[in-house]
């Protein structure tokens, strides 16, 4: 969260299956800190993402997997 200290989320949709909760959301933030070797630009990004929260047969959360396109964040930063 150093690169995007004001990081926020907007839920697009929420779904469930027998063993998972699937969330589509927008990740938002302003590039006010270093992102690896990229210095802060002050630009905002809005990136669509999906997260899978997977549960075992006793309903314990065992895994969170987040999928997104890294390039879409980098395109928003210049």
Protein backbone atom coordinates (compact mmCIF):
# COMPACT_ATOMS: atom_id res chain seq x y z
CA UNK A 1 0.00 0.00 0.00
CA UNK A 2 3.04 2.24 -0.11
CA UNK A 3 2.53 3.01 -3.82
CA UNK A 4 -1.22 3.67 -3.44
CA UNK A 5 -1.83 4.80 0.17
CA UNK A 6 -5.45 5.80 -0.56
CA UNK A 7 -6.27 2.38 -2.05
CA UNK A 8 -9.99 1.65 -2.16
CA UNK A 9 -12.38 -0.92 -3.65
CA UNK A 10 -15.76 -0.71 -5.37
CA UNK A 11 -17.61 -4.02 -5.58
CA UNK A 12 -19.02 -4.81 -9.01
CA UNK A 13 -20.52 -8.20 -8.19
CA UNK A 14 -20.48 -10.88 -5.53
CA UNK A 15 -21.08 -14.57 -6.27
CA UNK A 16 -20.78 -17.81 -4.37
CA UNK A 17 -20.31 -21.49 -5.07
CA UNK A 18 -20.21 -24.55 -2.81
CA UNK A 19 -16.65 -23.81 -1.69
CA UNK A 20 -15.89 -20.21 -2.69
CA UNK A 21 -16.97 -16.59 -2.76
CA UNK A 22 -16.06 -14.74 -5.97
CA UNK A 23 -15.83 -10.94 -5.95
CA UNK A 24 -15.45 -8.69 -8.98
CA UNK A 25 -14.33 -5.20 -8.02
CA UNK A 26 -12.59 -2.01 -9.09
CA UNK A 27 -9.31 -1.30 -7.31
CA UNK A 28 -8.75 2.45 -7.08
CA UNK A 29 -5.82 4.51 -5.90
CA UNK A 30 -3.49 7.45 -6.41
CA UNK A 31 0.16 6.72 -7.17
CA UNK A 32 1.67 8.71 -4.29
CA UNK A 33 4.51 6.36 -3.37
CA UNK A 34 7.18 4.37 -5.21
CA UNK A 35 6.05 1.29 -7.15
CA UNK A 36 9.24 -0.71 -7.47
CA UNK A 37 11.56 1.51 -9.50
CA UNK A 38 8.69 3.77 -10.70
CA UNK A 39 8.62 7.07 -8.76
CA UNK A 40 5.24 8.51 -7.70
CA UNK A 41 3.31 10.15 -10.53
CA UNK A 42 0.29 11.45 -8.63
CA UNK A 43 -1.96 9.76 -11.22
CA UNK A 44 -5.00 7.67 -10.30
CA UNK A 45 -5.80 4.21 -11.56
CA UNK A 46 -9.02 2.21 -11.69
CA UNK A 47 -8.33 -1.46 -12.37
CA UNK A 48 -10.90 -4.24 -12.65
CA UNK A 49 -10.03 -7.29 -10.55
CA UNK A 50 -11.44 -10.61 -9.43
CA UNK A 51 -10.82 -12.31 -6.08
CA UNK A 52 -11.64 -15.91 -5.18
CA UNK A 53 -12.03 -16.71 -1.47
CA UNK A 54 -11.82 -20.52 -1.18
CA UNK A 55 -13.12 -22.45 1.85
CA UNK A 56 -12.55 -26.00 3.09
CA UNK A 57 -15.33 -28.44 4.01
CA UNK A 58 -15.54 -26.91 7.53
CA UNK A 59 -16.04 -23.40 6.11
CA UNK A 60 -12.54 -22.22 7.02
CA UNK A 61 -10.98 -19.74 4.62
CA UNK A 62 -7.98 -21.52 3.09
CA UNK A 63 -6.99 -19.33 0.17
CA UNK A 64 -7.49 -15.95 -1.48
CA UNK A 65 -6.56 -15.63 -5.16
CA UNK A 66 -6.63 -12.23 -6.85
CA UNK A 67 -6.47 -11.85 -10.63
CA UNK A 68 -5.85 -8.62 -12.55
CA UNK A 69 -4.02 -7.13 -15.50
CA UNK A 70 -0.83 -5.49 -14.23
CA UNK A 71 -0.35 -3.63 -17.51
CA UNK A 72 -3.61 -1.69 -17.03
CA UNK A 73 -2.18 -0.18 -13.82
CA UNK A 74 1.10 0.79 -15.50
CA UNK A 75 -0.74 2.38 -18.44
CA UNK A 76 -2.62 4.66 -16.03
CA UNK A 77 0.52 5.92 -14.29
CA UNK A 78 2.49 8.03 -16.84
